[in-house]
Amino acid sequence: MPEFLLMEWLGKPVWMWTAFLSLVVFLLAFDLGVLNRKDKELGVKESLLLSAFYIGIATAFGAYIWWSYESGLLVTEDGSHAGIAYFTGFFIEKSLSIDNVFVISLIFSYFAIPRKYQYRALVWGIIGVIVLRGIMIALGAALVQEYDWVLYIFGAFLIITGIKMLVVTESDPDIAKNPIVRFLRKHMRVSDRLHSQHFFVREPDPKTGRIVTWATPLFLALVVINIADLIFAVDSVPAIFAITTDTFVVYTANIMAILGLRALYFALAAMVHRFHYLKYALAMVLVFIGGKIFWNQLVGKLDPTISLGVTLALIGGGVVFSLWKTKNEQTAISG
């Protein structure tokens, strides 16, 4: 193996990062080049099958992380169990992303993006997420390593966020008043109509007649989706850092959860209203994870299996309760 691949970067050998990012690039290329080579509307059945494929990949990767830790090939920076931390972070990120689905649906509706072009925008959006999440996680890791008291800030932030989710009634975001949308429309030439799957087109300027580059509504939707994802990451990244400060585990759990979410979007978008009560379960998860930071620092390290068990119990309970409470809505729709 070349020597540079054995060098450490963010606490892990370069070959580990290279292997993971190669897997992500392969999945994205397969998604865009094979599964979505021709723009078409992704049905619920296809969405569920593709999501099951991604969950299978994420689970297999998590099993490898678990095995590597147990066999001594993978050592975490903070001594946490890599496998338990990975799956706990994966489930939290996956669940928090359901709210993201609702926002993405509103963004596509505002820009009038047909379903057959939505998946391409979502897959390209992942590329932006990989970079943005990487930057956020690297900065978070650097802060935690340099100033360990930052974890207390993360913990307090998670507790406050969880309580806010429990008591504050959410309202639909007004996309038209979004400052990013206003800025882009003011500083870019934006076409009034879609041009199939293209993000940019070359067309005449009505004032000068010169051929110039125009951004399409699909590009604006892509930018706003990435900004929305960055905002959601403000909650999810500290939540995973509360479980482990190992940069590799935090990043891989984050990205694996997001890769599958894009596939699941088309199934969830039609029934996201049925997960209304999951918000309260997630709020309790955030409060629990935030409180765990203070417990670990002031009392003693909590057994990671307890953390994983409580997280799964709260999220699973929230999903089951939501589906049970909204079953009459589904019956009414079917009828």
Protein backbone atom coordinates (compact mmCIF):
# COMPACT_ATOMS: atom_id res chain seq x y z
CA MET A 1 0.00 0.00 0.00
CA PRO A 2 1.42 3.47 -0.91
CA GLU A 3 2.83 5.30 2.10
CA PHE A 4 0.58 8.35 1.75
CA LEU A 5 -2.51 6.13 2.17
CA LEU A 6 -1.24 5.15 5.62
CA MET A 7 -0.90 8.77 6.73
CA GLU A 8 -3.52 9.99 9.21
CA TRP A 9 -6.09 12.62 8.36
CA LEU A 10 -8.70 13.69 10.94
CA GLY A 11 -7.73 10.80 13.17
CA LYS A 12 -7.91 7.98 10.60
CA PRO A 13 -5.65 6.63 7.83
CA VAL A 14 -6.17 8.24 4.43
CA TRP A 15 -7.11 4.86 2.92
CA MET A 16 -10.20 4.66 5.17
CA TRP A 17 -11.46 8.05 4.01
CA THR A 18 -10.60 7.19 0.40
CA ALA A 19 -12.47 3.88 0.59
CA PHE A 20 -15.59 5.48 2.08
CA LEU A 21 -15.67 8.42 -0.34
CA SER A 22 -15.11 6.01 -3.25
CA LEU A 23 -18.18 4.05 -2.13
CA VAL A 24 -20.22 7.27 -1.99
CA VAL A 25 -19.02 8.38 -5.46
CA PHE A 26 -19.85 4.93 -6.87
CA LEU A 27 -23.38 5.06 -5.41
CA LEU A 28 -23.96 8.57 -6.78
CA ALA A 29 -22.64 7.61 -10.22
CA PHE A 30 -24.83 4.49 -10.21
CA ASP A 31 -27.83 6.60 -9.16
CA LEU A 32 -27.35 9.28 -11.83
CA GLY A 33 -25.82 7.21 -14.61
CA VAL A 34 -27.90 4.04 -14.37
CA LEU A 35 -31.01 4.36 -12.22
CA ASN A 36 -31.81 7.93 -13.25
CA ARG A 37 -30.19 8.11 -16.69
CA LYS A 38 -33.55 9.05 -18.18
CA ASP A 39 -35.61 11.52 -16.18
CA LYS A 40 -38.80 9.87 -15.05
CA GLU A 41 -41.20 10.04 -12.14
CA LEU A 42 -40.08 7.74 -9.35
CA GLY A 43 -43.02 5.73 -8.02
CA VAL A 44 -43.63 4.78 -4.39
CA LYS A 45 -42.69 1.13 -5.00
CA GLU A 46 -39.41 2.09 -6.73
CA SER A 47 -38.72 4.61 -3.99
CA LEU A 48 -39.16 1.99 -1.26
CA LEU A 49 -37.02 -0.58 -3.10
CA LEU A 50 -34.24 1.95 -3.71
CA SER A 51 -34.43 3.08 -0.10
CA ALA A 52 -34.19 -0.53 1.08
CA PHE A 53 -31.08 -0.89 -1.09
CA TYR A 54 -29.46 2.17 0.53
CA ILE A 55 -30.44 1.05 4.03
CA GLY A 56 -28.89 -2.34 3.23
CA ILE A 57 -25.64 -0.64 2.15
CA ALA A 58 -25.64 1.55 5.28
CA THR A 59 -26.31 -1.47 7.51
CA ALA A 60 -23.54 -3.51 5.85
CA PHE A 61 -21.13 -0.61 6.28
CA GLY A 62 -22.16 -0.28 9.93
CA ALA A 63 -21.59 -4.01 10.44
CA TYR A 64 -18.10 -3.58 8.99
CA ILE A 65 -17.45 -0.66 11.37
CA TRP A 66 -18.67 -2.82 14.27
CA TRP A 67 -16.49 -5.77 13.24
CA SER A 68 -13.46 -3.52 12.72
CA TYR A 69 -13.83 -2.09 16.20
CA GLU A 70 -14.32 -5.49 17.86
CA SER A 71 -11.28 -6.93 16.07
CA GLY A 72 -9.09 -3.97 16.96
CA LEU A 73 -8.65 -2.67 13.40
CA LEU A 74 -10.59 0.52 14.15
CA VAL A 75 -9.85 2.59 17.24
CA THR A 76 -12.09 5.56 18.05
CA GLU A 77 -10.60 8.86 19.17
CA ASP A 78 -12.69 9.00 22.37
CA GLY A 79 -12.82 5.28 23.17
CA SER A 80 -16.51 4.97 22.28
CA HIS A 81 -17.80 1.77 20.65
CA ALA A 82 -17.62 2.58 16.93
CA GLY A 83 -20.45 0.25 15.89
CA ILE A 84 -22.94 1.40 18.53
CA ALA A 85 -22.05 5.05 17.91
CA TYR A 86 -22.47 4.62 14.13
CA PHE A 87 -25.93 3.05 14.36
CA THR A 88 -27.12 5.49 17.04
CA GLY A 89 -26.02 8.44 14.89
CA PHE A 90 -27.49 6.85 11.76
CA PHE A 91 -30.95 6.39 13.33
CA ILE A 92 -30.99 9.91 14.79
CA GLU A 93 -29.95 11.52 11.49
CA LYS A 94 -32.45 9.42 9.52
CA SER A 95 -35.30 10.38 11.83
CA LEU A 96 -34.41 14.08 12.01
CA SER A 97 -34.37 14.14 8.20
CA ILE A 98 -38.10 13.37 7.98
CA ASP A 99 -38.80 17.04 8.76
CA ASN A 100 -36.36 17.84 5.95
CA VAL A 101 -38.58 15.87 3.55
CA PHE A 102 -41.50 18.17 4.36
CA VAL A 103 -39.43 21.29 3.66
CA ILE A 104 -38.04 19.84 0.41
CA SER A 105 -41.60 19.08 -0.71
CA LEU A 106 -42.58 22.73 -0.10
CA ILE A 107 -39.53 23.95 -2.04
CA PHE A 108 -40.36 21.81 -5.07
CA SER A 109 -44.00 22.97 -4.93
CA TYR A 110 -43.00 26.64 -4.79
CA PHE A 111 -40.71 26.35 -7.82
CA ALA A 112 -43.24 24.08 -9.63
CA ILE A 113 -40.68 21.32 -10.22
CA PRO A 114 -42.28 18.21 -11.80
CA ARG A 115 -41.68 14.94 -9.98
CA LYS A 116 -39.69 13.51 -12.88
CA TYR A 117 -37.00 16.18 -12.39
CA GLN A 118 -37.02 16.17 -8.58
CA TYR A 119 -34.88 13.09 -8.08
CA ARG A 120 -32.04 14.42 -10.24
CA ALA A 121 -32.00 17.63 -8.18
CA LEU A 122 -31.95 15.60 -4.95
CA VAL A 123 -29.05 13.40 -6.07
CA TRP A 124 -27.01 16.43 -7.17
CA GLY A 125 -27.89 18.00 -3.84
CA ILE A 126 -26.12 15.15 -2.06
CA ILE A 127 -22.81 16.30 -3.58
CA GLY A 128 -23.28 19.66 -1.89
CA VAL A 129 -24.28 17.96 1.36
CA ILE A 130 -21.13 15.79 1.34
CA VAL A 131 -18.97 18.92 1.16
CA LEU A 132 -20.99 21.08 3.56
CA ARG A 133 -21.41 18.37 6.20
CA GLY A 134 -17.72 17.56 5.89
CA ILE A 135 -16.80 21.17 6.63
CA MET A 136 -19.21 21.38 9.59
CA ILE A 137 -18.03 18.09 11.10
CA ALA A 138 -14.35 18.95 10.62
CA LEU A 139 -14.87 22.31 12.36
CA GLY A 140 -16.88 20.65 15.13
CA ALA A 141 -14.18 18.01 15.65
CA ALA A 142 -11.46 20.67 15.79
CA LEU A 143 -13.41 22.67 18.38
CA VAL A 144 -14.09 19.61 20.56
CA GLN A 145 -10.46 18.49 20.47
CA GLU A 146 -9.14 21.97 21.27
CA TYR A 147 -11.83 23.00 23.76
CA ASP A 148 -13.61 20.04 25.38
CA TRP A 149 -16.04 22.42 27.12
CA VAL A 150 -17.68 22.91 23.71
CA LEU A 151 -19.48 19.62 24.39
CA TYR A 152 -21.39 21.37 27.20
CA ILE A 153 -22.56 23.96 24.66
CA PHE A 154 -23.65 21.16 22.32
CA GLY A 155 -25.51 19.48 25.18
CA ALA A 156 -27.29 22.67 26.25
CA PHE A 157 -28.15 23.47 22.63
CA LEU A 158 -29.69 20.01 22.12
CA ILE A 159 -31.75 20.26 25.32
CA ILE A 160 -33.04 23.73 24.40
CA THR A 161 -33.80 22.60 20.83
CA GLY A 162 -35.66 19.53 22.11
CA ILE A 163 -37.76 21.57 24.55
CA LYS A 164 -38.51 24.09 21.82
CA MET A 165 -39.72 21.30 19.53
CA LEU A 166 -42.03 20.10 22.32
CA VAL A 167 -43.67 23.43 23.15
CA VAL A 168 -43.46 25.66 20.05
CA THR A 169 -45.96 25.22 17.23
CA GLU A 170 -44.21 25.08 13.85
CA SER A 171 -45.43 27.05 10.84
CA ASP A 172 -44.80 26.43 7.16
CA PRO A 173 -41.75 28.33 5.88
CA ASP A 174 -42.51 31.10 3.36
CA ILE A 175 -40.21 30.25 0.44
CA ALA A 176 -41.04 33.50 -1.39
CA LYS A 177 -39.61 35.55 1.50
CA ASN A 178 -36.51 33.39 1.83
CA PRO A 179 -33.48 35.76 1.75
CA ILE A 180 -31.48 33.26 -0.33
CA VAL A 181 -34.19 33.20 -3.01
CA ARG A 182 -34.38 37.00 -3.01
CA PHE A 183 -30.59 37.32 -3.28
CA LEU A 184 -30.33 34.87 -6.17
CA ARG A 185 -33.16 36.48 -8.12
CA LYS A 186 -31.60 39.91 -7.60
CA HIS A 187 -28.02 38.99 -8.55
CA MET A 188 -28.56 36.30 -11.21
CA ARG A 189 -30.47 36.00 -14.45
CA VAL A 190 -33.21 33.52 -13.58
CA SER A 191 -35.42 31.99 -16.25
CA ASP A 192 -39.17 32.05 -15.62
CA ARG A 193 -39.61 28.53 -16.93
CA LEU A 194 -38.05 25.10 -16.58
CA HIS A 195 -35.72 23.69 -19.21
CA SER A 196 -36.15 19.96 -18.52
CA GLN A 197 -33.35 18.74 -16.18
CA HIS A 198 -30.95 21.63 -16.89
CA PHE A 199 -29.71 23.93 -14.12
CA PHE A 200 -28.42 26.55 -16.57
CA VAL A 201 -29.36 27.48 -20.15
CA ARG A 202 -28.01 29.85 -22.81
CA GLU A 203 -30.70 32.20 -24.15
CA PRO A 204 -30.95 35.75 -25.57
CA ASP A 205 -31.15 38.67 -23.15
CA PRO A 206 -34.47 40.45 -23.94
CA LYS A 207 -32.80 43.85 -23.44
CA THR A 208 -29.60 43.41 -25.47
CA GLY A 209 -30.33 40.37 -27.63
CA ARG A 210 -26.97 38.80 -26.62
CA ILE A 211 -26.84 35.10 -25.77
CA VAL A 212 -26.26 34.89 -22.01
CA THR A 213 -26.43 32.24 -19.27
CA TRP A 214 -29.64 31.92 -17.27
CA ALA A 215 -30.21 29.94 -14.09
CA THR A 216 -33.37 27.83 -14.12
CA PRO A 217 -35.91 27.34 -11.31
CA LEU A 218 -34.43 23.86 -10.87
CA PHE A 219 -31.09 25.44 -9.91
CA LEU A 220 -32.78 27.76 -7.41
CA ALA A 221 -34.58 24.78 -5.88
CA LEU A 222 -31.24 22.92 -5.61
CA VAL A 223 -29.58 25.86 -3.81
CA VAL A 224 -32.46 26.34 -1.36
CA ILE A 225 -32.56 22.58 -0.62
CA ASN A 226 -28.85 22.61 0.24
CA ILE A 227 -29.29 25.66 2.48
CA ALA A 228 -32.22 23.93 4.22
CA ASP A 229 -30.09 20.83 4.74
CA LEU A 230 -27.33 22.97 6.26
CA ILE A 231 -29.85 24.43 8.72
CA PHE A 232 -31.06 20.95 9.70
CA ALA A 233 -27.43 19.90 10.19
CA VAL A 234 -27.18 22.45 13.01
CA ASP A 235 -29.34 20.04 15.04
CA SER A 236 -28.11 16.69 13.79
CA VAL A 237 -24.33 17.24 13.85
CA PRO A 238 -24.18 18.24 17.56
CA ALA A 239 -26.47 15.28 18.33
CA ILE A 240 -23.97 12.81 16.85
CA PHE A 241 -21.01 14.59 18.47
CA ALA A 242 -22.83 14.00 21.76
CA ILE A 243 -22.61 10.26 21.06
CA THR A 244 -19.02 10.15 19.81
CA THR A 245 -16.35 12.70 18.92
CA ASP A 246 -14.71 10.34 16.42
CA THR A 247 -14.80 12.32 13.17
CA PHE A 248 -14.89 9.28 10.90
CA VAL A 249 -17.88 7.70 12.67
CA VAL A 250 -19.75 11.03 12.83
CA TYR A 251 -19.23 11.74 9.11
CA THR A 252 -19.99 8.25 7.79
CA ALA A 253 -23.17 7.91 9.87
CA ASN A 254 -24.33 11.33 8.66
CA ILE A 255 -23.67 10.71 4.98
CA MET A 256 -25.07 7.16 4.94
CA ALA A 257 -28.35 8.38 6.44
CA ILE A 258 -28.64 11.21 3.91
CA LEU A 259 -27.85 9.02 0.88
CA GLY A 260 -30.87 6.82 1.61
CA LEU A 261 -33.18 9.69 2.46
CA ARG A 262 -33.16 11.01 -1.10
CA ALA A 263 -34.42 7.62 -2.33
CA LEU A 264 -37.09 7.48 0.38
CA TYR A 265 -38.29 11.02 -0.36
CA PHE A 266 -40.93 10.04 -2.93
CA ALA A 267 -42.55 7.55 -0.57
CA LEU A 268 -42.39 9.86 2.44
CA ALA A 269 -43.48 13.06 0.66
CA ALA A 270 -46.96 11.61 0.08
CA MET A 271 -47.42 10.54 3.70
CA VAL A 272 -45.15 12.82 5.73
CA HIS A 273 -48.25 14.19 7.50
CA ARG A 274 -48.66 10.77 9.12
CA PHE A 275 -45.40 11.21 11.05
CA HIS A 276 -46.61 14.32 12.89
CA TYR A 277 -46.06 12.87 16.38
CA LEU A 278 -42.55 11.69 15.55
CA LYS A 279 -41.46 15.28 16.17
CA TYR A 280 -42.15 14.87 19.89
CA ALA A 281 -40.19 11.61 20.04
CA LEU A 282 -37.25 13.30 18.31
CA ALA A 283 -37.49 16.19 20.76
CA MET A 284 -37.14 13.73 23.64
CA VAL A 285 -34.19 12.08 21.86
CA LEU A 286 -32.42 15.45 21.63
CA VAL A 287 -33.11 16.19 25.30
CA PHE A 288 -31.84 12.71 26.26
CA ILE A 289 -28.67 12.99 24.16
CA GLY A 290 -28.00 16.51 25.44
CA GLY A 291 -28.51 15.38 29.02
CA LYS A 292 -26.19 12.42 28.41
CA ILE A 293 -23.31 14.83 27.77
CA PHE A 294 -23.69 16.36 31.23
CA TRP A 295 -24.13 12.91 32.80
CA ASN A 296 -20.97 11.60 31.12
CA GLN A 297 -18.92 14.59 32.20
CA LEU A 298 -20.23 15.00 35.76
CA VAL A 299 -21.27 11.49 36.87
CA GLY A 300 -19.69 8.85 34.64
CA LYS A 301 -19.86 7.43 31.12
CA LEU A 302 -23.30 6.03 30.33
CA ASP A 303 -23.34 2.55 28.78
CA PRO A 304 -23.55 3.16 24.99
CA THR A 305 -26.01 0.26 24.60
CA ILE A 306 -28.42 2.15 26.88
CA SER A 307 -28.06 5.21 24.67
CA LEU A 308 -28.78 3.17 21.54
CA GLY A 309 -31.70 1.38 23.21
CA VAL A 310 -33.35 4.59 24.44
CA THR A 311 -32.88 6.23 21.03
CA LEU A 312 -34.44 3.29 19.17
CA ALA A 313 -37.28 2.99 21.69
CA LEU A 314 -38.20 6.68 21.43
CA ILE A 315 -37.95 6.84 17.62
CA GLY A 316 -39.74 3.50 17.13
CA GLY A 317 -42.45 4.53 19.60
CA GLY A 318 -42.87 7.86 17.82
CA VAL A 319 -43.30 6.16 14.43
CA VAL A 320 -45.80 3.58 15.73
CA PHE A 321 -47.81 6.17 17.69
CA SER A 322 -47.89 8.54 14.69
CA LEU A 323 -49.14 5.84 12.32
CA TRP A 324 -51.74 4.71 14.87
CA LYS A 325 -53.04 8.23 15.58
CA THR A 326 -53.31 9.08 11.87
CA LYS A 327 -54.74 5.77 10.65
CA ASN A 328 -58.18 7.35 10.18
CA GLU A 329 -56.66 9.97 7.86
CA GLN A 330 -55.23 7.18 5.69
CA THR A 331 -58.59 5.39 5.70
CA ALA A 332 -60.36 8.59 4.67
CA ILE A 333 -57.90 9.17 1.84
CA SER A 334 -58.24 5.57 0.63
CA GLY A 335 -62.02 5.76 0.84
